[in-house]
């Protein structure tokens, strides 16, 4: 099997994504990146469009005894996406899910506050918002973030990602007004497969991308 076409790193993916968004959705008013990995790309997209960069935050809800296996995700305002198939497979019940939802929603609120460093959340009323991440596999956090924005007074929601699972991208098209995705490869095993460098982004590194948003 040939090696997949890969992005050099998140910075390059962000530059290519910024070009695509500028061409396909030139009327974006604000970019909201999903921490942590989405911020390098969000910075590039915001710069390409010359608009404000901020964050939209969600936290995964892990299965009992296996926190890395996401059975859902919850945004900072409590908007939740629940993967019913994963919930059943994990053997979790409604009481467990609700407890974890409350815990993870609090974590998401705290992260959003920490990243903004005292800045108020942006006013999204009537605005065209681009949500940016470094890619989607199951897309649990993206789904929760999109649900949060659906409940807001944003005028239009655009999801912008460099790469995603074809099935997930199709599903996400029903949650946003538009999706800009550079690649939906059929041989998809994970987002990192499509980057030469895909190191973890630290909180400090991620927050640095927001400095010019002040």
C-alpha atoms as a PDB file:
ATOM      1  CA  UNK A   1       0.000   0.000   0.000  1.00  0.00           C
ATOM      2  CA  UNK A   2       1.514   3.395  -0.923  1.00  0.00           C
ATOM      3  CA  UNK A   3       2.294   5.823   1.878  1.00  0.00           C
ATOM      4  CA  UNK A   4      -0.544   8.337   2.255  1.00  0.00           C
ATOM      5  CA  UNK A   5       0.009  11.947   1.255  1.00  0.00           C
ATOM      6  CA  UNK A   6       0.829  13.585   4.563  1.00  0.00           C
ATOM      7  CA  UNK A   7       1.043  17.086   5.954  1.00  0.00           C
ATOM      8  CA  UNK A   8       4.456  18.103   7.224  1.00  0.00           C
ATOM      9  CA  UNK A   9       2.989  19.277  10.546  1.00  0.00           C
ATOM     10  CA  UNK A  10       0.021  21.193  11.934  1.00  0.00           C
ATOM     11  CA  UNK A  11       1.447  24.507  10.722  1.00  0.00           C
ATOM     12  CA  UNK A  12       1.513  23.359   7.112  1.00  0.00           C
ATOM     13  CA  UNK A  13      -1.923  21.774   7.422  1.00  0.00           C
ATOM     14  CA  UNK A  14      -3.209  25.058   8.815  1.00  0.00           C
ATOM     15  CA  UNK A  15      -1.781  27.067   5.931  1.00  0.00           C
ATOM     16  CA  UNK A  16      -3.372  24.765   3.370  1.00  0.00           C
ATOM     17  CA  UNK A  17      -6.641  24.783   5.268  1.00  0.00           C
ATOM     18  CA  UNK A  18      -6.573  28.568   5.510  1.00  0.00           C
ATOM     19  CA  UNK A  19      -6.200  28.840   1.732  1.00  0.00           C
ATOM     20  CA  UNK A  20      -9.145  26.482   1.212  1.00  0.00           C
ATOM     21  CA  UNK A  21     -11.396  28.282   3.688  1.00  0.00           C
ATOM     22  CA  UNK A  22     -10.534  31.674   2.194  1.00  0.00           C
ATOM     23  CA  UNK A  23     -11.511  30.341  -1.237  1.00  0.00           C
ATOM     24  CA  UNK A  24     -14.655  28.440  -0.239  1.00  0.00           C
ATOM     25  CA  UNK A  25     -15.952  30.441   2.741  1.00  0.00           C
ATOM     26  CA  UNK A  26     -14.506  33.964   2.472  1.00  0.00           C
ATOM     27  CA  UNK A  27     -17.075  35.585   4.768  1.00  0.00           C
ATOM     28  CA  UNK A  28     -15.943  34.003   8.038  1.00  0.00           C
ATOM     29  CA  UNK A  29     -16.184  36.475  10.947  1.00  0.00           C
ATOM     30  CA  UNK A  30     -14.360  34.515  13.649  1.00  0.00           C
ATOM     31  CA  UNK A  31     -12.346  31.295  13.980  1.00  0.00           C
ATOM     32  CA  UNK A  32     -12.877  29.031  16.996  1.00  0.00           C
ATOM     33  CA  UNK A  33     -10.157  26.406  17.421  1.00  0.00           C
ATOM     34  CA  UNK A  34     -10.557  23.257  19.508  1.00  0.00           C
ATOM     35  CA  UNK A  35      -7.690  22.960  22.028  1.00  0.00           C
ATOM     36  CA  UNK A  36      -5.105  21.778  22.008  1.00  0.00           C
ATOM     37  CA  UNK A  37      -4.253  20.411  18.579  1.00  0.00           C
ATOM     38  CA  UNK A  38      -6.617  22.692  16.704  1.00  0.00           C
ATOM     39  CA  UNK A  39      -4.939  25.926  17.773  1.00  0.00           C
ATOM     40  CA  UNK A  40      -1.899  25.830  15.442  1.00  0.00           C
ATOM     41  CA  UNK A  41      -4.300  25.370  12.536  1.00  0.00           C
ATOM     42  CA  UNK A  42      -6.790  27.879  13.899  1.00  0.00           C
ATOM     43  CA  UNK A  43      -4.060  30.515  14.056  1.00  0.00           C
ATOM     44  CA  UNK A  44      -3.172  29.934  10.396  1.00  0.00           C
ATOM     45  CA  UNK A  45      -6.806  30.010   9.279  1.00  0.00           C
ATOM     46  CA  UNK A  46      -7.550  33.177  11.291  1.00  0.00           C
ATOM     47  CA  UNK A  47      -4.464  34.861   9.839  1.00  0.00           C
ATOM     48  CA  UNK A  48      -5.449  33.866   6.294  1.00  0.00           C
ATOM     49  CA  UNK A  49      -8.854  35.461   6.828  1.00  0.00           C
ATOM     50  CA  UNK A  50      -7.612  38.337   9.021  1.00  0.00           C
ATOM     51  CA  UNK A  51     -10.185  37.588  11.730  1.00  0.00           C
ATOM     52  CA  UNK A  52     -10.202  36.971  15.482  1.00  0.00           C
ATOM     53  CA  UNK A  53      -9.110  33.598  16.872  1.00  0.00           C
ATOM     54  CA  UNK A  54     -10.746  32.178  19.989  1.00  0.00           C
ATOM     55  CA  UNK A  55     -11.543  28.719  21.339  1.00  0.00           C
ATOM     56  CA  UNK A  56     -14.470  26.351  21.632  1.00  0.00           C
ATOM     57  CA  UNK A  57     -13.872  23.638  24.199  1.00  0.00           C
ATOM     58  CA  UNK A  58     -15.253  20.158  24.794  1.00  0.00           C
ATOM     59  CA  UNK A  59     -14.079  17.248  26.892  1.00  0.00           C
ATOM     60  CA  UNK A  60     -14.427  13.559  26.077  1.00  0.00           C
ATOM     61  CA  UNK A  61     -16.510  11.285  28.299  1.00  0.00           C
ATOM     62  CA  UNK A  62     -14.581   8.067  28.827  1.00  0.00           C
ATOM     63  CA  UNK A  63     -15.954   4.575  29.354  1.00  0.00           C
ATOM     64  CA  UNK A  64     -15.962   2.972  32.824  1.00  0.00           C
ATOM     65  CA  UNK A  65     -12.478   1.664  33.526  1.00  0.00           C
ATOM     66  CA  UNK A  66     -11.241   2.831  30.126  1.00  0.00           C
ATOM     67  CA  UNK A  67     -11.108   6.644  30.020  1.00  0.00           C
ATOM     68  CA  UNK A  68      -9.402   6.660  26.607  1.00  0.00           C
ATOM     69  CA  UNK A  69     -12.451   5.036  24.997  1.00  0.00           C
ATOM     70  CA  UNK A  70     -14.836   7.909  24.341  1.00  0.00           C
ATOM     71  CA  UNK A  71     -18.532   7.209  24.756  1.00  0.00           C
ATOM     72  CA  UNK A  72     -19.389  10.850  24.196  1.00  0.00           C
ATOM     73  CA  UNK A  73     -18.221  14.397  24.767  1.00  0.00           C
ATOM     74  CA  UNK A  74     -19.509  17.522  26.462  1.00  0.00           C
ATOM     75  CA  UNK A  75     -18.854  21.190  25.687  1.00  0.00           C
ATOM     76  CA  UNK A  76     -18.187  23.940  28.199  1.00  0.00           C
ATOM     77  CA  UNK A  77     -21.861  24.966  28.283  1.00  0.00           C
ATOM     78  CA  UNK A  78     -23.035  21.391  28.911  1.00  0.00           C
ATOM     79  CA  UNK A  79     -23.967  20.592  25.312  1.00  0.00           C
ATOM     80  CA  UNK A  80     -23.428  16.866  25.019  1.00  0.00           C
ATOM     81  CA  UNK A  81     -22.946  14.346  22.245  1.00  0.00           C
ATOM     82  CA  UNK A  82     -23.598  10.758  23.230  1.00  0.00           C
ATOM     83  CA  UNK A  83     -22.340   7.809  21.183  1.00  0.00           C
ATOM     84  CA  UNK A  84     -25.133   5.333  21.845  1.00  0.00           C
ATOM     85  CA  UNK A  85     -23.280   2.431  20.247  1.00  0.00           C
ATOM     86  CA  UNK A  86     -20.195   3.064  22.400  1.00  0.00           C
ATOM     87  CA  UNK A  87     -22.328   3.525  25.520  1.00  0.00           C
ATOM     88  CA  UNK A  88     -23.910   0.110  25.005  1.00  0.00           C
ATOM     89  CA  UNK A  89     -20.597  -1.560  24.178  1.00  0.00           C
ATOM     90  CA  UNK A  90     -18.939  -0.126  27.288  1.00  0.00           C
ATOM     91  CA  UNK A  91     -21.654  -1.372  29.625  1.00  0.00           C
ATOM     92  CA  UNK A  92     -22.145   2.103  31.128  1.00  0.00           C
ATOM     93  CA  UNK A  93     -25.546   3.278  32.311  1.00  0.00           C
ATOM     94  CA  UNK A  94     -27.333   6.631  32.320  1.00  0.00           C
ATOM     95  CA  UNK A  95     -26.294   7.446  35.874  1.00  0.00           C
ATOM     96  CA  UNK A  96     -22.610   6.936  35.025  1.00  0.00           C
ATOM     97  CA  UNK A  97     -22.917   9.004  31.852  1.00  0.00           C
ATOM     98  CA  UNK A  98     -24.578  11.905  33.661  1.00  0.00           C
ATOM     99  CA  UNK A  99     -21.983  11.925  36.433  1.00  0.00           C
ATOM    100  CA  UNK A 100     -19.179  12.003  33.900  1.00  0.00           C
ATOM    101  CA  UNK A 101     -20.975  14.610  31.820  1.00  0.00           C
ATOM    102  CA  UNK A 102     -21.086  16.986  34.791  1.00  0.00           C
ATOM    103  CA  UNK A 103     -17.441  16.342  35.654  1.00  0.00           C
ATOM    104  CA  UNK A 104     -16.187  16.808  32.101  1.00  0.00           C
ATOM    105  CA  UNK A 105     -18.355  19.886  31.471  1.00  0.00           C
ATOM    106  CA  UNK A 106     -16.716  21.527  34.478  1.00  0.00           C
ATOM    107  CA  UNK A 107     -13.269  20.640  33.098  1.00  0.00           C
ATOM    108  CA  UNK A 108     -14.217  22.122  29.730  1.00  0.00           C
ATOM    109  CA  UNK A 109     -15.400  25.371  31.358  1.00  0.00           C
ATOM    110  CA  UNK A 110     -12.190  25.608  33.352  1.00  0.00           C
ATOM    111  CA  UNK A 111     -10.075  25.030  30.247  1.00  0.00           C
ATOM    112  CA  UNK A 112     -11.970  27.683  28.276  1.00  0.00           C
ATOM    113  CA  UNK A 113     -11.469  30.184  31.101  1.00  0.00           C
ATOM    114  CA  UNK A 114      -7.770  29.317  31.407  1.00  0.00           C
ATOM    115  CA  UNK A 115      -7.163  29.720  27.693  1.00  0.00           C
ATOM    116  CA  UNK A 116      -8.927  33.088  27.546  1.00  0.00           C
ATOM    117  CA  UNK A 117      -6.964  34.389  30.546  1.00  0.00           C
ATOM    118  CA  UNK A 118      -9.724  36.718  31.666  1.00  0.00           C
ATOM    119  CA  UNK A 119     -10.983  37.700  28.233  1.00  0.00           C
ATOM    120  CA  UNK A 120     -14.754  37.384  27.838  1.00  0.00           C
ATOM    121  CA  UNK A 121     -16.165  34.802  25.463  1.00  0.00           C
ATOM    122  CA  UNK A 122     -16.664  36.374  22.023  1.00  0.00           C
ATOM    123  CA  UNK A 123     -20.051  37.624  20.890  1.00  0.00           C
ATOM    124  CA  UNK A 124     -21.195  35.258  18.141  1.00  0.00           C
ATOM    125  CA  UNK A 125     -24.568  36.892  17.453  1.00  0.00           C
ATOM    126  CA  UNK A 126     -25.319  36.651  13.743  1.00  0.00           C
ATOM    127  CA  UNK A 127     -21.695  35.840  12.888  1.00  0.00           C
ATOM    128  CA  UNK A 128     -20.306  33.228  10.529  1.00  0.00           C
ATOM    129  CA  UNK A 129     -18.112  31.007  12.697  1.00  0.00           C
ATOM    130  CA  UNK A 130     -15.391  28.600  11.560  1.00  0.00           C
ATOM    131  CA  UNK A 131     -14.652  25.698  13.902  1.00  0.00           C
ATOM    132  CA  UNK A 132     -11.142  24.345  13.344  1.00  0.00           C
ATOM    133  CA  UNK A 133      -9.448  21.135  14.493  1.00  0.00           C
ATOM    134  CA  UNK A 134      -6.449  19.118  13.283  1.00  0.00           C
ATOM    135  CA  UNK A 135      -8.630  16.266  11.993  1.00  0.00           C
ATOM    136  CA  UNK A 136     -11.490  13.983  12.941  1.00  0.00           C
ATOM    137  CA  UNK A 137     -11.673  10.254  13.532  1.00  0.00           C
ATOM    138  CA  UNK A 138     -14.872   9.621  15.510  1.00  0.00           C
ATOM    139  CA  UNK A 139     -15.214  13.389  15.981  1.00  0.00           C
ATOM    140  CA  UNK A 140     -16.631  13.232  19.499  1.00  0.00           C
ATOM    141  CA  UNK A 141     -15.285  16.594  20.692  1.00  0.00           C
ATOM    142  CA  UNK A 142     -16.099  18.273  17.378  1.00  0.00           C
ATOM    143  CA  UNK A 143     -19.693  17.064  17.628  1.00  0.00           C
ATOM    144  CA  UNK A 144     -20.102  18.479  21.136  1.00  0.00           C
ATOM    145  CA  UNK A 145     -18.572  21.790  20.024  1.00  0.00           C
ATOM    146  CA  UNK A 146     -20.918  21.996  17.043  1.00  0.00           C
ATOM    147  CA  UNK A 147     -23.893  21.278  19.285  1.00  0.00           C
ATOM    148  CA  UNK A 148     -22.795  24.121  21.559  1.00  0.00           C
ATOM    149  CA  UNK A 149     -22.693  26.492  18.607  1.00  0.00           C
ATOM    150  CA  UNK A 150     -26.063  25.244  17.336  1.00  0.00           C
ATOM    151  CA  UNK A 151     -27.483  26.391  20.678  1.00  0.00           C
ATOM    152  CA  UNK A 152     -25.815  29.787  20.369  1.00  0.00           C
ATOM    153  CA  UNK A 153     -26.978  32.748  18.318  1.00  0.00           C
ATOM    154  CA  UNK A 154     -24.280  32.277  15.685  1.00  0.00           C
ATOM    155  CA  UNK A 155     -25.553  33.046  12.210  1.00  0.00           C
ATOM    156  CA  UNK A 156     -23.690  30.321  10.310  1.00  0.00           C
ATOM    157  CA  UNK A 157     -21.361  27.470  11.317  1.00  0.00           C
ATOM    158  CA  UNK A 158     -18.522  26.201   9.133  1.00  0.00           C
ATOM    159  CA  UNK A 159     -16.372  23.224  10.147  1.00  0.00           C
ATOM    160  CA  UNK A 160     -12.813  23.367   8.771  1.00  0.00           C
ATOM    161  CA  UNK A 161     -10.488  20.357   9.059  1.00  0.00           C
ATOM    162  CA  UNK A 162      -7.541  19.098   7.010  1.00  0.00           C
ATOM    163  CA  UNK A 163      -8.436  15.409   7.147  1.00  0.00           C
ATOM    164  CA  UNK A 164     -11.198  13.178   8.405  1.00  0.00           C
ATOM    165  CA  UNK A 165     -12.785   9.777   8.281  1.00  0.00           C
ATOM    166  CA  UNK A 166     -15.180   9.750   5.308  1.00  0.00           C
ATOM    167  CA  UNK A 167     -18.047   8.405   7.418  1.00  0.00           C
ATOM    168  CA  UNK A 168     -17.513  10.941  10.191  1.00  0.00           C
ATOM    169  CA  UNK A 169     -17.247  13.845   7.750  1.00  0.00           C
ATOM    170  CA  UNK A 170     -20.531  12.796   6.126  1.00  0.00           C
ATOM    171  CA  UNK A 171     -22.199  12.775   9.547  1.00  0.00           C
ATOM    172  CA  UNK A 172     -20.710  16.150  10.492  1.00  0.00           C
ATOM    173  CA  UNK A 173     -22.138  17.712   7.339  1.00  0.00           C
ATOM    174  CA  UNK A 174     -25.510  17.424   9.026  1.00  0.00           C
ATOM    175  CA  UNK A 175     -24.294  19.393  12.054  1.00  0.00           C
ATOM    176  CA  UNK A 176     -22.762  22.409  10.268  1.00  0.00           C
ATOM    177  CA  UNK A 177     -23.889  24.720   7.509  1.00  0.00           C
ATOM    178  CA  UNK A 178     -20.736  23.845   5.562  1.00  0.00           C
ATOM    179  CA  UNK A 179     -17.696  21.587   5.928  1.00  0.00           C
ATOM    180  CA  UNK A 180     -14.295  22.400   4.442  1.00  0.00           C
ATOM    181  CA  UNK A 181     -12.175  19.233   4.514  1.00  0.00           C
ATOM    182  CA  UNK A 182      -9.017  18.825   2.458  1.00  0.00           C
ATOM    183  CA  UNK A 183      -8.916  15.030   2.512  1.00  0.00           C
ATOM    184  CA  UNK A 184     -11.308  12.153   3.281  1.00  0.00           C
ATOM    185  CA  UNK A 185      -9.091   9.115   2.578  1.00  0.00           C
ATOM    186  CA  UNK A 186     -10.742   5.715   2.375  1.00  0.00           C
ATOM    187  CA  UNK A 187      -7.807   4.085   4.180  1.00  0.00           C
ATOM    188  CA  UNK A 188      -8.284   5.960   7.441  1.00  0.00           C
ATOM    189  CA  UNK A 189      -6.909   4.583  10.712  1.00  0.00           C
ATOM    190  CA  UNK A 190      -6.275   7.782  12.647  1.00  0.00           C
ATOM    191  CA  UNK A 191      -5.551  11.485  12.237  1.00  0.00           C
ATOM    192  CA  UNK A 192      -1.838  11.141  13.042  1.00  0.00           C
ATOM    193  CA  UNK A 193      -1.436   8.826  10.046  1.00  0.00           C
ATOM    194  CA  UNK A 194      -1.661  11.877   7.785  1.00  0.00           C
ATOM    195  CA  UNK A 195       1.043  13.982   9.449  1.00  0.00           C
ATOM    196  CA  UNK A 196       4.824  13.548   9.313  1.00  0.00           C
ATOM    197  CA  UNK A 197       5.025  15.265  12.703  1.00  0.00           C
ATOM    198  CA  UNK A 198       2.086  14.964  15.079  1.00  0.00           C
ATOM    199  CA  UNK A 199       3.475  15.614  18.550  1.00  0.00           C
ATOM    200  CA  UNK A 200       1.225  16.475  21.471  1.00  0.00           C
ATOM    201  CA  UNK A 201       0.603  20.214  21.810  1.00  0.00           C
ATOM    202  CA  UNK A 202       1.030  21.468  25.380  1.00  0.00           C
ATOM    203  CA  UNK A 203      -1.355  23.939  26.984  1.00  0.00           C
ATOM    204  CA  UNK A 204       1.351  26.611  27.021  1.00  0.00           C
ATOM    205  CA  UNK A 205       2.098  26.075  23.329  1.00  0.00           C
ATOM    206  CA  UNK A 206      -1.591  26.134  22.459  1.00  0.00           C
ATOM    207  CA  UNK A 207      -2.263  29.292  24.462  1.00  0.00           C
ATOM    208  CA  UNK A 208       0.602  31.078  22.709  1.00  0.00           C
ATOM    209  CA  UNK A 209      -1.402  30.948  19.483  1.00  0.00           C
ATOM    210  CA  UNK A 210      -4.070  33.079  21.147  1.00  0.00           C
ATOM    211  CA  UNK A 211      -1.725  35.889  22.175  1.00  0.00           C
ATOM    212  CA  UNK A 212      -2.465  38.022  19.126  1.00  0.00           C
ATOM    213  CA  UNK A 213      -6.183  37.566  19.778  1.00  0.00           C
ATOM    214  CA  UNK A 214      -6.021  39.894  22.782  1.00  0.00           C
END
